[in-house]
Amino acid sequence: MKYKQLLTPALLLFTLCACQNSKSSADKLDELMHLHDEVMAKNDQLVHQQMAIDSLLKNKTALTAVNTPADTAALRTQLVDQLKNLKSAEEKMNEWMYAFDPDISKKNKEEADKYITSEENKLTTIDSIYNIQLRNAELLLKQVK
């Protein structure tokens, strides 16, 4: 008898905890959209760095005033490469946004959760790329100033 008295509350507590730890697909989608918003907040900085590098590449005087011709050529190559990397990062985000389908209503919970997890992994990768390219551009631009 005491066994049942102890087991029943324990099972009830376990069930309640399990239910609270399980997030709905809608909650997971909200978290994904929050991550999207965080990455998009970095987009302004990404575009600003693209414009700064583009301006430097168009202004040969700014590059040659601080460097020897050999250094200027090497710096120019670095700037061109970094500009490509920034544009590539932005393009990856644009491609993700274009392909992403937030309508999970036609999916069952398992399909929806799998889709959201997959998209979260893609977006986390893009966020890492943004962080790396923003940092690389910042360091490169400091060399020129």
N, C-alpha and C. Protein backbone atom coordinates (compact mmCIF):
# COMPACT_ATOMS: atom_id res chain seq x y z
N MET A 1 0.82 -1.19 0.00
CA MET A 1 0.00 0.00 0.00
C MET A 1 0.86 1.25 0.00
N LYS A 2 1.88 1.29 0.91
CA LYS A 2 2.75 2.46 0.95
C LYS A 2 3.50 2.64 -0.37
N TYR A 3 3.79 1.51 -1.00
CA TYR A 3 4.46 1.54 -2.30
C TYR A 3 3.65 2.33 -3.31
N LYS A 4 2.34 2.07 -3.38
CA LYS A 4 1.47 2.78 -4.30
C LYS A 4 1.34 4.25 -3.92
N GLN A 5 1.33 4.54 -2.63
CA GLN A 5 1.21 5.93 -2.17
C GLN A 5 2.45 6.74 -2.56
N LEU A 6 3.59 6.12 -2.55
CA LEU A 6 4.82 6.81 -2.92
C LEU A 6 4.99 6.87 -4.44
N LEU A 7 4.61 5.81 -5.10
CA LEU A 7 4.79 5.71 -6.54
C LEU A 7 3.86 6.66 -7.31
N THR A 8 2.65 6.81 -6.90
CA THR A 8 1.69 7.65 -7.61
C THR A 8 2.15 9.10 -7.67
N PRO A 9 2.54 9.76 -6.55
CA PRO A 9 3.03 11.14 -6.65
C PRO A 9 4.33 11.25 -7.44
N ALA A 10 5.18 10.24 -7.34
CA ALA A 10 6.43 10.27 -8.08
C ALA A 10 6.17 10.22 -9.59
N LEU A 11 5.26 9.36 -10.00
CA LEU A 11 4.91 9.27 -11.42
C LEU A 11 4.24 10.55 -11.91
N LEU A 12 3.39 11.12 -11.08
CA LEU A 12 2.74 12.37 -11.44
C LEU A 12 3.77 13.48 -11.60
N LEU A 13 4.70 13.57 -10.68
CA LEU A 13 5.75 14.59 -10.76
C LEU A 13 6.61 14.37 -12.00
N PHE A 14 6.96 13.14 -12.28
CA PHE A 14 7.76 12.81 -13.47
C PHE A 14 7.02 13.22 -14.74
N THR A 15 5.75 12.91 -14.80
CA THR A 15 4.93 13.24 -15.98
C THR A 15 4.85 14.75 -16.17
N LEU A 16 4.64 15.48 -15.10
CA LEU A 16 4.56 16.94 -15.19
C LEU A 16 5.89 17.53 -15.67
N CYS A 17 6.98 17.04 -15.14
CA CYS A 17 8.30 17.54 -15.55
C CYS A 17 8.56 17.22 -17.01
N ALA A 18 8.21 16.03 -17.43
CA ALA A 18 8.43 15.63 -18.83
C ALA A 18 7.63 16.51 -19.76
N CYS A 19 6.41 16.83 -19.37
CA CYS A 19 5.57 17.67 -20.23
C CYS A 19 6.10 19.09 -20.31
N GLN A 20 6.65 19.58 -19.22
CA GLN A 20 7.16 20.95 -19.21
C GLN A 20 8.45 21.06 -20.02
N ASN A 21 9.24 20.00 -20.09
CA ASN A 21 10.50 20.04 -20.83
C ASN A 21 10.27 19.91 -22.33
N SER A 22 9.13 19.41 -22.73
CA SER A 22 8.82 19.24 -24.13
C SER A 22 8.25 20.54 -24.69
N LYS A 23 8.96 21.13 -25.61
CA LYS A 23 8.49 22.38 -26.21
C LYS A 23 7.61 22.07 -27.41
N SER A 24 6.66 22.92 -27.60
CA SER A 24 5.81 22.76 -28.77
C SER A 24 6.59 23.18 -30.01
N SER A 25 6.13 22.74 -31.15
CA SER A 25 6.76 23.14 -32.41
C SER A 25 6.67 24.65 -32.59
N ALA A 26 5.58 25.23 -32.17
CA ALA A 26 5.41 26.69 -32.28
C ALA A 26 6.45 27.42 -31.44
N ASP A 27 6.73 26.91 -30.24
CA ASP A 27 7.75 27.52 -29.39
C ASP A 27 9.13 27.40 -30.04
N LYS A 28 9.41 26.25 -30.62
CA LYS A 28 10.69 26.04 -31.30
C LYS A 28 10.81 26.96 -32.52
N LEU A 29 9.70 27.14 -33.21
CA LEU A 29 9.69 28.06 -34.36
C LEU A 29 9.94 29.50 -33.89
N ASP A 30 9.35 29.88 -32.77
CA ASP A 30 9.60 31.21 -32.21
C ASP A 30 11.08 31.41 -31.88
N GLU A 31 11.70 30.39 -31.31
CA GLU A 31 13.13 30.46 -30.99
C GLU A 31 13.96 30.60 -32.26
N LEU A 32 13.57 29.87 -33.29
CA LEU A 32 14.26 29.96 -34.57
C LEU A 32 14.14 31.37 -35.14
N MET A 33 12.96 31.94 -35.06
CA MET A 33 12.76 33.29 -35.59
C MET A 33 13.55 34.32 -34.77
N HIS A 34 13.70 34.06 -33.48
CA HIS A 34 14.53 34.94 -32.64
C HIS A 34 15.99 34.87 -33.11
N LEU A 35 16.46 33.68 -33.41
CA LEU A 35 17.82 33.52 -33.95
C LEU A 35 17.95 34.26 -35.29
N HIS A 36 16.94 34.13 -36.12
CA HIS A 36 16.92 34.86 -37.40
C HIS A 36 17.06 36.35 -37.16
N ASP A 37 16.31 36.88 -36.21
CA ASP A 37 16.36 38.31 -35.91
C ASP A 37 17.75 38.73 -35.42
N GLU A 38 18.40 37.87 -34.64
CA GLU A 38 19.75 38.17 -34.15
C GLU A 38 20.74 38.24 -35.32
N VAL A 39 20.63 37.31 -36.24
CA VAL A 39 21.54 37.30 -37.40
C VAL A 39 21.27 38.52 -38.27
N MET A 40 20.00 38.82 -38.49
CA MET A 40 19.65 39.98 -39.32
C MET A 40 20.12 41.29 -38.70
N ALA A 41 20.20 41.35 -37.39
CA ALA A 41 20.69 42.55 -36.73
C ALA A 41 22.16 42.80 -37.10
N LYS A 42 22.88 41.75 -37.42
CA LYS A 42 24.29 41.87 -37.82
C LYS A 42 24.42 42.28 -39.29
N ASN A 43 23.33 42.20 -40.03
CA ASN A 43 23.39 42.49 -41.46
C ASN A 43 23.77 43.94 -41.75
N ASP A 44 23.30 44.88 -40.92
CA ASP A 44 23.66 46.28 -41.12
C ASP A 44 25.17 46.47 -41.03
N GLN A 45 25.77 45.83 -40.04
CA GLN A 45 27.22 45.91 -39.87
C GLN A 45 27.93 45.27 -41.07
N LEU A 46 27.40 44.17 -41.56
CA LEU A 46 27.98 43.49 -42.71
C LEU A 46 27.96 44.39 -43.94
N VAL A 47 26.83 45.04 -44.18
CA VAL A 47 26.70 45.93 -45.34
C VAL A 47 27.61 47.15 -45.16
N HIS A 48 27.70 47.66 -43.95
CA HIS A 48 28.58 48.81 -43.68
C HIS A 48 30.04 48.46 -43.99
N GLN A 49 30.45 47.27 -43.60
CA GLN A 49 31.82 46.85 -43.88
C GLN A 49 32.05 46.63 -45.37
N GLN A 50 31.05 46.13 -46.06
CA GLN A 50 31.15 45.99 -47.52
C GLN A 50 31.37 47.36 -48.16
N MET A 51 30.61 48.34 -47.72
CA MET A 51 30.73 49.68 -48.30
C MET A 51 32.09 50.29 -47.97
N ALA A 52 32.59 50.08 -46.75
CA ALA A 52 33.89 50.61 -46.36
C ALA A 52 35.00 50.01 -47.22
N ILE A 53 34.95 48.72 -47.43
CA ILE A 53 35.96 48.05 -48.25
C ILE A 53 35.84 48.48 -49.70
N ASP A 54 34.63 48.56 -50.20
CA ASP A 54 34.40 48.99 -51.57
C ASP A 54 34.95 50.41 -51.78
N SER A 55 34.73 51.29 -50.83
CA SER A 55 35.24 52.67 -50.93
C SER A 55 36.76 52.68 -50.95
N LEU A 56 37.38 51.85 -50.13
CA LEU A 56 38.85 51.78 -50.12
C LEU A 56 39.38 51.27 -51.46
N LEU A 57 38.71 50.29 -52.01
CA LEU A 57 39.16 49.74 -53.29
C LEU A 57 39.03 50.77 -54.42
N LYS A 58 38.07 51.64 -54.32
CA LYS A 58 37.89 52.68 -55.35
C LYS A 58 38.81 53.87 -55.14
N ASN A 59 39.34 54.01 -53.94
CA ASN A 59 40.20 55.14 -53.61
C ASN A 59 41.65 54.67 -53.49
N LYS A 60 42.34 54.63 -54.62
CA LYS A 60 43.73 54.14 -54.64
C LYS A 60 44.65 55.00 -53.79
N THR A 61 44.34 56.27 -53.68
CA THR A 61 45.17 57.18 -52.90
C THR A 61 45.21 56.76 -51.44
N ALA A 62 44.09 56.36 -50.91
CA ALA A 62 44.04 55.94 -49.51
C ALA A 62 44.89 54.70 -49.26
N LEU A 63 44.93 53.82 -50.23
CA LEU A 63 45.73 52.60 -50.06
C LEU A 63 47.22 52.87 -50.23
N THR A 64 47.59 53.68 -51.21
CA THR A 64 49.01 53.91 -51.49
C THR A 64 49.64 54.91 -50.53
N ALA A 65 48.85 55.72 -49.86
CA ALA A 65 49.41 56.72 -48.94
C ALA A 65 50.07 56.06 -47.74
N VAL A 66 49.63 54.90 -47.36
CA VAL A 66 50.12 54.25 -46.16
C VAL A 66 51.07 53.09 -46.47
N ASN A 67 51.10 52.62 -47.68
CA ASN A 67 51.82 51.39 -48.01
C ASN A 67 52.77 51.58 -49.20
N THR A 68 53.73 50.66 -49.27
CA THR A 68 54.59 50.58 -50.45
C THR A 68 53.76 49.95 -51.57
N PRO A 69 54.21 50.05 -52.82
CA PRO A 69 53.44 49.44 -53.91
C PRO A 69 53.20 47.94 -53.72
N ALA A 70 54.19 47.21 -53.23
CA ALA A 70 54.01 45.77 -53.02
C ALA A 70 52.99 45.51 -51.92
N ASP A 71 53.09 46.29 -50.85
CA ASP A 71 52.12 46.14 -49.75
C ASP A 71 50.72 46.53 -50.20
N THR A 72 50.66 47.56 -51.06
CA THR A 72 49.37 48.01 -51.56
C THR A 72 48.70 46.92 -52.39
N ALA A 73 49.47 46.25 -53.22
CA ALA A 73 48.91 45.16 -54.04
C ALA A 73 48.41 44.02 -53.16
N ALA A 74 49.18 43.68 -52.15
CA ALA A 74 48.77 42.60 -51.24
C ALA A 74 47.52 43.00 -50.46
N LEU A 75 47.48 44.23 -49.99
CA LEU A 75 46.33 44.72 -49.25
C LEU A 75 45.09 44.76 -50.14
N ARG A 76 45.29 45.19 -51.36
CA ARG A 76 44.17 45.25 -52.31
C ARG A 76 43.59 43.85 -52.53
N THR A 77 44.45 42.85 -52.67
CA THR A 77 44.00 41.47 -52.83
C THR A 77 43.23 41.01 -51.60
N GLN A 78 43.73 41.35 -50.41
CA GLN A 78 43.02 40.99 -49.17
C GLN A 78 41.65 41.67 -49.11
N LEU A 79 41.59 42.92 -49.50
CA LEU A 79 40.32 43.65 -49.47
C LEU A 79 39.31 43.05 -50.45
N VAL A 80 39.79 42.72 -51.64
CA VAL A 80 38.91 42.10 -52.65
C VAL A 80 38.37 40.76 -52.12
N ASP A 81 39.26 39.96 -51.54
CA ASP A 81 38.85 38.66 -51.01
C ASP A 81 37.85 38.82 -49.86
N GLN A 82 38.12 39.78 -48.99
CA GLN A 82 37.23 39.99 -47.85
C GLN A 82 35.86 40.50 -48.30
N LEU A 83 35.86 41.35 -49.30
CA LEU A 83 34.59 41.84 -49.84
C LEU A 83 33.77 40.67 -50.41
N LYS A 84 34.45 39.76 -51.12
CA LYS A 84 33.76 38.57 -51.63
C LYS A 84 33.20 37.72 -50.49
N ASN A 85 33.98 37.58 -49.42
CA ASN A 85 33.54 36.78 -48.28
C ASN A 85 32.31 37.40 -47.59
N LEU A 86 32.32 38.72 -47.46
CA LEU A 86 31.17 39.40 -46.86
C LEU A 86 29.92 39.25 -47.72
N LYS A 87 30.10 39.40 -49.03
CA LYS A 87 28.97 39.24 -49.94
C LYS A 87 28.46 37.80 -49.94
N SER A 88 29.37 36.86 -49.84
CA SER A 88 28.99 35.45 -49.78
C SER A 88 28.18 35.15 -48.52
N ALA A 89 28.60 35.71 -47.40
CA ALA A 89 27.87 35.51 -46.14
C ALA A 89 26.46 36.09 -46.26
N GLU A 90 26.36 37.28 -46.83
CA GLU A 90 25.04 37.89 -47.01
C GLU A 90 24.17 37.06 -47.95
N GLU A 91 24.78 36.52 -48.99
CA GLU A 91 24.04 35.70 -49.96
C GLU A 91 23.54 34.41 -49.31
N LYS A 92 24.34 33.82 -48.43
CA LYS A 92 23.90 32.61 -47.72
C LYS A 92 22.65 32.91 -46.89
N MET A 93 22.64 34.05 -46.23
CA MET A 93 21.47 34.43 -45.43
C MET A 93 20.26 34.66 -46.34
N ASN A 94 20.48 35.34 -47.44
CA ASN A 94 19.38 35.59 -48.38
C ASN A 94 18.81 34.27 -48.93
N GLU A 95 19.69 33.33 -49.25
CA GLU A 95 19.25 32.04 -49.76
C GLU A 95 18.45 31.28 -48.69
N TRP A 96 18.94 31.36 -47.43
CA TRP A 96 18.22 30.68 -46.36
C TRP A 96 16.82 31.28 -46.21
N MET A 97 16.73 32.60 -46.20
CA MET A 97 15.43 33.25 -46.02
C MET A 97 14.48 32.91 -47.18
N TYR A 98 15.02 32.85 -48.39
CA TYR A 98 14.19 32.53 -49.55
C TYR A 98 13.65 31.11 -49.46
N ALA A 99 14.47 30.17 -49.01
CA ALA A 99 14.08 28.76 -48.97
C ALA A 99 13.26 28.40 -47.73
N PHE A 100 13.37 29.20 -46.68
CA PHE A 100 12.70 28.86 -45.42
C PHE A 100 11.19 28.99 -45.54
N ASP A 101 10.49 27.97 -45.03
CA ASP A 101 9.02 27.98 -45.03
C ASP A 101 8.54 27.91 -43.58
N PRO A 102 8.08 29.03 -43.03
CA PRO A 102 7.66 29.03 -41.63
C PRO A 102 6.31 28.34 -41.38
N ASP A 103 5.61 27.96 -42.43
CA ASP A 103 4.31 27.31 -42.27
C ASP A 103 4.51 25.83 -41.96
N ILE A 104 4.40 25.51 -40.68
CA ILE A 104 4.57 24.11 -40.27
C ILE A 104 3.22 23.44 -40.00
N SER A 105 2.16 24.14 -40.32
CA SER A 105 0.81 23.62 -40.01
C SER A 105 0.47 22.34 -40.78
N LYS A 106 1.12 22.12 -41.90
CA LYS A 106 0.83 20.93 -42.70
C LYS A 106 1.71 19.73 -42.30
N LYS A 107 2.58 19.96 -41.31
CA LYS A 107 3.47 18.89 -40.86
C LYS A 107 3.00 18.37 -39.50
N ASN A 108 3.25 17.08 -39.26
CA ASN A 108 2.97 16.57 -37.92
C ASN A 108 4.11 17.04 -37.00
N LYS A 109 3.97 16.82 -35.69
CA LYS A 109 4.94 17.35 -34.73
C LYS A 109 6.36 16.85 -35.03
N GLU A 110 6.49 15.58 -35.33
CA GLU A 110 7.82 15.02 -35.59
C GLU A 110 8.45 15.66 -36.83
N GLU A 111 7.70 15.79 -37.89
CA GLU A 111 8.20 16.43 -39.11
C GLU A 111 8.55 17.90 -38.87
N ALA A 112 7.67 18.58 -38.16
CA ALA A 112 7.88 19.99 -37.87
C ALA A 112 9.14 20.19 -37.03
N ASP A 113 9.29 19.38 -35.98
CA ASP A 113 10.47 19.49 -35.12
C ASP A 113 11.76 19.18 -35.88
N LYS A 114 11.70 18.18 -36.73
CA LYS A 114 12.87 17.82 -37.55
C LYS A 114 13.22 18.97 -38.50
N TYR A 115 12.23 19.55 -39.14
CA TYR A 115 12.44 20.67 -40.06
C TYR A 115 13.02 21.88 -39.32
N ILE A 116 12.45 22.20 -38.18
CA ILE A 116 12.92 23.36 -37.41
C ILE A 116 14.35 23.14 -36.94
N THR A 117 14.66 21.95 -36.49
CA THR A 117 16.03 21.65 -36.05
C THR A 117 17.01 21.79 -37.21
N SER A 118 16.63 21.28 -38.36
CA SER A 118 17.48 21.39 -39.55
C SER A 118 17.71 22.86 -39.91
N GLU A 119 16.64 23.64 -39.88
CA GLU A 119 16.77 25.06 -40.23
C GLU A 119 17.57 25.82 -39.18
N GLU A 120 17.42 25.42 -37.93
CA GLU A 120 18.20 26.05 -36.86
C GLU A 120 19.69 25.77 -37.05
N ASN A 121 20.03 24.55 -37.44
CA ASN A 121 21.43 24.20 -37.71
C ASN A 121 21.99 25.04 -38.86
N LYS A 122 21.20 25.20 -39.92
CA LYS A 122 21.63 26.02 -41.05
C LYS A 122 21.85 27.46 -40.62
N LEU A 123 20.92 27.98 -39.85
CA LEU A 123 21.00 29.38 -39.42
C LEU A 123 22.14 29.60 -38.43
N THR A 124 22.40 28.62 -37.59
CA THR A 124 23.54 28.72 -36.66
C THR A 124 24.85 28.75 -37.44
N THR A 125 24.94 27.97 -38.50
CA THR A 125 26.13 27.98 -39.35
C THR A 125 26.29 29.35 -40.01
N ILE A 126 25.21 29.90 -40.51
CA ILE A 126 25.26 31.23 -41.13
C ILE A 126 25.67 32.28 -40.10
N ASP A 127 25.16 32.18 -38.89
CA ASP A 127 25.53 33.11 -37.83
C ASP A 127 27.03 33.04 -37.56
N SER A 128 27.58 31.84 -37.54
CA SER A 128 29.03 31.67 -37.34
C SER A 128 29.81 32.31 -38.49
N ILE A 129 29.33 32.11 -39.70
CA ILE A 129 29.99 32.71 -40.86
C ILE A 129 29.95 34.23 -40.75
N TYR A 130 28.80 34.78 -40.38
CA TYR A 130 28.69 36.23 -40.19
C TYR A 130 29.71 36.71 -39.17
N ASN A 131 29.77 36.03 -38.03
CA ASN A 131 30.69 36.44 -36.96
C ASN A 131 32.14 36.42 -37.44
N ILE A 132 32.52 35.37 -38.13
CA ILE A 132 33.90 35.24 -38.62
C ILE A 132 34.20 36.33 -39.63
N GLN A 133 33.31 36.53 -40.59
CA GLN A 133 33.58 37.52 -41.64
C GLN A 133 33.54 38.95 -41.11
N LEU A 134 32.66 39.22 -40.18
CA LEU A 134 32.63 40.56 -39.57
C LEU A 134 33.93 40.83 -38.82
N ARG A 135 34.40 39.84 -38.10
CA ARG A 135 35.66 39.99 -37.35
C ARG A 135 36.84 40.15 -38.31
N ASN A 136 36.90 39.34 -39.36
CA ASN A 136 37.98 39.44 -40.34
C ASN A 136 37.99 40.81 -41.02
N ALA A 137 36.82 41.29 -41.37
CA ALA A 137 36.73 42.60 -42.02
C ALA A 137 37.16 43.71 -41.07
N GLU A 138 36.75 43.59 -39.83
CA GLU A 138 37.14 44.59 -38.82
C GLU A 138 38.66 44.65 -38.68
N LEU A 139 39.30 43.49 -38.59
CA LEU A 139 40.76 43.46 -38.46
C LEU A 139 41.45 44.02 -39.70
N LEU A 140 40.93 43.70 -40.85
CA LEU A 140 41.51 44.19 -42.10
C LEU A 140 41.35 45.70 -42.22
N LEU A 141 40.19 46.21 -41.87
CA LEU A 141 39.95 47.65 -41.96
C LEU A 141 40.82 48.42 -40.96
N LYS A 142 41.14 47.82 -39.83
CA LYS A 142 42.04 48.47 -38.86
C LYS A 142 43.44 48.64 -39.42
N GLN A 143 43.85 47.74 -40.31
CA GLN A 143 45.18 47.84 -40.93
C GLN A 143 45.28 49.08 -41.82
N VAL A 144 44.18 49.47 -42.39
CA VAL A 144 44.18 50.57 -43.35
C VAL A 144 44.11 51.92 -42.65
N LYS A 145 43.45 51.96 -41.52
CA LYS A 145 43.25 53.24 -40.81
C LYS A 145 44.50 53.73 -40.14
